[in-house]
N, C-alpha and C. Protein backbone atom coordinates (compact mmCIF):
# COMPACT_ATOMS: atom_id res chain seq x y z
N UNK A 1 -23.70 0.37 10.58
CA UNK A 1 -24.94 -0.37 10.42
C UNK A 1 -25.72 -0.30 11.73
N UNK A 2 -26.99 0.01 11.61
CA UNK A 2 -27.82 0.17 12.81
C UNK A 2 -28.55 -1.14 13.10
N UNK A 3 -28.47 -1.58 14.35
CA UNK A 3 -29.13 -2.81 14.77
C UNK A 3 -30.58 -2.51 15.14
N UNK A 4 -31.52 -3.28 14.59
CA UNK A 4 -32.93 -3.09 14.88
C UNK A 4 -33.26 -3.80 16.18
N UNK A 5 -33.88 -3.05 17.09
CA UNK A 5 -34.25 -3.62 18.38
C UNK A 5 -35.66 -4.19 18.32
N UNK A 6 -35.86 -5.31 18.97
CA UNK A 6 -37.20 -5.89 19.06
C UNK A 6 -38.02 -5.07 20.05
N UNK A 7 -39.31 -4.93 19.79
CA UNK A 7 -40.15 -4.17 20.72
C UNK A 7 -40.26 -4.88 22.07
N UNK A 8 -40.35 -4.08 23.11
CA UNK A 8 -40.50 -4.61 24.46
C UNK A 8 -41.99 -4.83 24.77
N UNK A 9 -42.30 -5.96 25.36
CA UNK A 9 -43.66 -6.22 25.80
C UNK A 9 -43.87 -5.52 27.13
N UNK A 10 -44.86 -4.64 27.18
CA UNK A 10 -45.13 -3.87 28.38
C UNK A 10 -46.52 -4.23 28.91
N UNK A 11 -46.79 -3.79 30.13
CA UNK A 11 -48.11 -4.02 30.71
C UNK A 11 -49.21 -3.32 29.91
N UNK A 12 -48.88 -2.17 29.37
CA UNK A 12 -49.85 -1.44 28.56
C UNK A 12 -50.23 -2.24 27.31
N UNK A 13 -49.25 -2.85 26.67
CA UNK A 13 -49.52 -3.66 25.48
C UNK A 13 -50.32 -4.90 25.86
N UNK A 14 -50.00 -5.52 26.98
CA UNK A 14 -50.78 -6.67 27.44
C UNK A 14 -52.22 -6.28 27.76
N UNK A 15 -52.40 -5.11 28.33
CA UNK A 15 -53.74 -4.59 28.63
C UNK A 15 -54.55 -4.44 27.34
N UNK A 16 -53.95 -3.84 26.32
CA UNK A 16 -54.64 -3.68 25.04
C UNK A 16 -54.88 -5.03 24.36
N UNK A 17 -53.96 -5.96 24.53
CA UNK A 17 -54.14 -7.30 23.95
C UNK A 17 -55.33 -8.02 24.59
N UNK A 18 -55.53 -7.80 25.89
CA UNK A 18 -56.69 -8.40 26.56
C UNK A 18 -57.99 -7.84 25.99
N UNK A 19 -58.03 -6.54 25.70
CA UNK A 19 -59.20 -5.95 25.06
C UNK A 19 -59.38 -6.48 23.65
N UNK A 20 -58.29 -6.74 22.96
CA UNK A 20 -58.36 -7.30 21.62
C UNK A 20 -58.99 -8.70 21.66
N UNK A 21 -58.59 -9.51 22.61
CA UNK A 21 -59.16 -10.85 22.77
C UNK A 21 -60.64 -10.76 23.12
N UNK A 22 -61.01 -9.83 24.00
CA UNK A 22 -62.42 -9.65 24.36
C UNK A 22 -63.23 -9.25 23.13
N UNK A 23 -62.66 -8.40 22.29
CA UNK A 23 -63.33 -8.00 21.06
C UNK A 23 -63.50 -9.16 20.11
N UNK A 24 -62.49 -10.01 20.02
CA UNK A 24 -62.59 -11.20 19.16
C UNK A 24 -63.69 -12.13 19.64
N UNK A 25 -63.77 -12.32 20.95
CA UNK A 25 -64.82 -13.19 21.50
C UNK A 25 -66.21 -12.61 21.26
N UNK A 26 -66.35 -11.30 21.45
CA UNK A 26 -67.65 -10.66 21.21
C UNK A 26 -68.03 -10.76 19.74
N UNK A 27 -67.08 -10.50 18.86
CA UNK A 27 -67.34 -10.59 17.43
C UNK A 27 -67.73 -12.02 17.03
N UNK A 28 -66.98 -13.00 17.51
CA UNK A 28 -67.26 -14.39 17.17
C UNK A 28 -68.61 -14.84 17.72
N UNK A 29 -68.95 -14.40 18.92
CA UNK A 29 -70.23 -14.77 19.52
C UNK A 29 -71.39 -14.22 18.69
N UNK A 30 -71.31 -12.94 18.35
CA UNK A 30 -72.37 -12.33 17.55
C UNK A 30 -72.46 -12.92 16.16
N UNK A 31 -71.31 -13.12 15.52
CA UNK A 31 -71.30 -13.65 14.16
C UNK A 31 -71.82 -15.09 14.11
N UNK A 32 -71.45 -15.91 15.09
CA UNK A 32 -71.94 -17.29 15.11
C UNK A 32 -73.45 -17.33 15.28
N UNK A 33 -73.97 -16.44 16.12
CA UNK A 33 -75.41 -16.43 16.30
C UNK A 33 -76.11 -15.97 15.03
N UNK A 34 -75.52 -15.01 14.32
CA UNK A 34 -76.13 -14.53 13.08
C UNK A 34 -76.12 -15.61 11.99
N UNK A 35 -75.06 -16.41 11.96
CA UNK A 35 -74.93 -17.43 10.92
C UNK A 35 -75.71 -18.70 11.26
N UNK A 36 -75.58 -19.17 12.49
CA UNK A 36 -76.15 -20.47 12.86
C UNK A 36 -77.23 -20.42 13.93
N UNK A 37 -77.51 -19.24 14.47
CA UNK A 37 -78.46 -19.10 15.59
C UNK A 37 -78.05 -20.00 16.76
N UNK A 38 -76.75 -20.00 17.04
CA UNK A 38 -76.17 -20.87 18.06
C UNK A 38 -75.27 -20.04 18.97
N UNK A 39 -75.35 -20.28 20.27
CA UNK A 39 -74.50 -19.56 21.23
C UNK A 39 -73.07 -20.09 21.18
N UNK A 40 -72.12 -19.22 21.45
CA UNK A 40 -70.72 -19.63 21.45
C UNK A 40 -70.25 -20.02 22.85
N UNK A 41 -70.39 -19.12 23.81
CA UNK A 41 -69.87 -19.37 25.16
C UNK A 41 -70.98 -19.52 26.20
N UNK A 42 -71.91 -18.58 26.19
CA UNK A 42 -72.98 -18.56 27.19
C UNK A 42 -74.27 -19.00 26.51
N UNK A 43 -74.85 -20.07 27.01
CA UNK A 43 -76.09 -20.58 26.43
C UNK A 43 -77.20 -19.54 26.56
N UNK A 44 -77.88 -19.27 25.47
CA UNK A 44 -78.97 -18.31 25.47
C UNK A 44 -78.54 -16.87 25.27
N UNK A 45 -77.29 -16.62 24.93
CA UNK A 45 -76.83 -15.26 24.65
C UNK A 45 -76.07 -15.24 23.35
N UNK A 46 -76.39 -14.43 22.45
CA UNK A 46 -77.45 -13.44 22.39
C UNK A 46 -78.81 -14.09 22.15
N UNK A 47 -79.86 -13.34 22.42
CA UNK A 47 -81.20 -13.91 22.29
C UNK A 47 -81.94 -13.41 21.07
N UNK A 48 -81.42 -12.39 20.40
CA UNK A 48 -82.10 -11.85 19.22
C UNK A 48 -81.08 -11.42 18.18
N UNK A 49 -81.60 -11.17 16.99
CA UNK A 49 -80.74 -10.70 15.91
C UNK A 49 -80.16 -9.32 16.25
N UNK A 50 -80.95 -8.47 16.86
CA UNK A 50 -80.45 -7.14 17.23
C UNK A 50 -79.28 -7.24 18.19
N UNK A 51 -79.38 -8.09 19.21
CA UNK A 51 -78.27 -8.28 20.15
C UNK A 51 -77.04 -8.82 19.43
N UNK A 52 -77.24 -9.75 18.51
CA UNK A 52 -76.12 -10.34 17.79
C UNK A 52 -75.43 -9.30 16.91
N UNK A 53 -76.20 -8.45 16.25
CA UNK A 53 -75.61 -7.40 15.40
C UNK A 53 -74.84 -6.41 16.26
N UNK A 54 -75.43 -5.98 17.37
CA UNK A 54 -74.74 -5.04 18.27
C UNK A 54 -73.46 -5.66 18.82
N UNK A 55 -73.52 -6.93 19.21
CA UNK A 55 -72.35 -7.62 19.74
C UNK A 55 -71.26 -7.75 18.69
N UNK A 56 -71.66 -8.06 17.47
CA UNK A 56 -70.69 -8.19 16.38
C UNK A 56 -70.01 -6.86 16.10
N UNK A 57 -70.79 -5.80 16.00
CA UNK A 57 -70.22 -4.47 15.72
C UNK A 57 -69.35 -3.98 16.89
N UNK A 58 -69.82 -4.21 18.11
CA UNK A 58 -69.02 -3.79 19.28
C UNK A 58 -67.70 -4.56 19.33
N UNK A 59 -67.76 -5.86 19.04
CA UNK A 59 -66.54 -6.65 19.03
C UNK A 59 -65.56 -6.18 17.96
N UNK A 60 -66.09 -5.86 16.77
CA UNK A 60 -65.24 -5.36 15.69
C UNK A 60 -64.59 -4.04 16.07
N UNK A 61 -65.38 -3.13 16.62
CA UNK A 61 -64.83 -1.84 17.04
C UNK A 61 -63.79 -1.99 18.14
N UNK A 62 -64.05 -2.87 19.09
CA UNK A 62 -63.09 -3.09 20.18
C UNK A 62 -61.79 -3.69 19.65
N UNK A 63 -61.89 -4.61 18.72
CA UNK A 63 -60.68 -5.18 18.12
C UNK A 63 -59.87 -4.12 17.39
N UNK A 64 -60.55 -3.31 16.58
CA UNK A 64 -59.85 -2.26 15.83
C UNK A 64 -59.20 -1.25 16.76
N UNK A 65 -59.93 -0.84 17.80
CA UNK A 65 -59.37 0.12 18.75
C UNK A 65 -58.13 -0.46 19.45
N UNK A 66 -58.26 -1.70 19.93
CA UNK A 66 -57.14 -2.31 20.66
C UNK A 66 -55.93 -2.51 19.75
N UNK A 67 -56.17 -2.95 18.52
CA UNK A 67 -55.06 -3.14 17.59
C UNK A 67 -54.37 -1.80 17.28
N UNK A 68 -55.16 -0.75 17.13
CA UNK A 68 -54.58 0.57 16.88
C UNK A 68 -53.74 1.03 18.07
N UNK A 69 -54.21 0.77 19.28
CA UNK A 69 -53.46 1.16 20.47
C UNK A 69 -52.16 0.37 20.59
N UNK A 70 -52.21 -0.90 20.25
CA UNK A 70 -50.99 -1.73 20.28
C UNK A 70 -49.99 -1.20 19.26
N UNK A 71 -50.47 -0.91 18.05
CA UNK A 71 -49.57 -0.38 17.01
C UNK A 71 -48.98 0.95 17.46
N UNK A 72 -49.80 1.80 18.08
CA UNK A 72 -49.32 3.08 18.56
C UNK A 72 -48.22 2.90 19.59
N UNK A 73 -48.43 1.97 20.51
CA UNK A 73 -47.42 1.71 21.55
C UNK A 73 -46.12 1.17 20.95
N UNK A 74 -46.24 0.35 19.92
CA UNK A 74 -45.04 -0.24 19.32
C UNK A 74 -44.28 0.76 18.46
N UNK A 75 -45.00 1.66 17.78
CA UNK A 75 -44.33 2.58 16.88
C UNK A 75 -43.90 3.87 17.54
N UNK A 76 -44.50 4.24 18.65
CA UNK A 76 -44.09 5.45 19.35
C UNK A 76 -43.16 5.05 20.48
N UNK A 77 -42.06 4.53 20.12
CA UNK A 77 -41.01 4.16 21.08
C UNK A 77 -39.82 5.07 20.85
N UNK A 78 -39.19 5.52 21.91
CA UNK A 78 -38.00 6.33 21.70
C UNK A 78 -36.91 5.52 21.00
N UNK A 79 -36.35 6.09 19.97
CA UNK A 79 -35.28 5.40 19.25
C UNK A 79 -33.95 5.82 19.81
N UNK A 80 -33.09 4.87 19.97
CA UNK A 80 -31.75 5.14 20.49
C UNK A 80 -30.79 5.19 19.32
N UNK A 81 -30.41 6.40 18.95
CA UNK A 81 -29.43 6.54 17.88
C UNK A 81 -28.04 6.63 18.50
N UNK A 82 -27.20 5.71 18.08
CA UNK A 82 -25.83 5.68 18.63
C UNK A 82 -24.86 6.08 17.57
């Protein structure tokens, strides 16, 4: 019977997780402004619908990219067959 090893948390994974969080904040900031015309973190940002749409899309893309990189790091691990 083969024992399944838990993935190791590495600096690379933490780096990608930080980008994932930044993407979530950007997405939430843009989406909140689009829905309520209200700033999330910085008062007065975004200032227009175009900025909010760009921020929302950029945040979504950053989240997807970071999540894909994390998955890649977790699945491309050398397996130790004993």
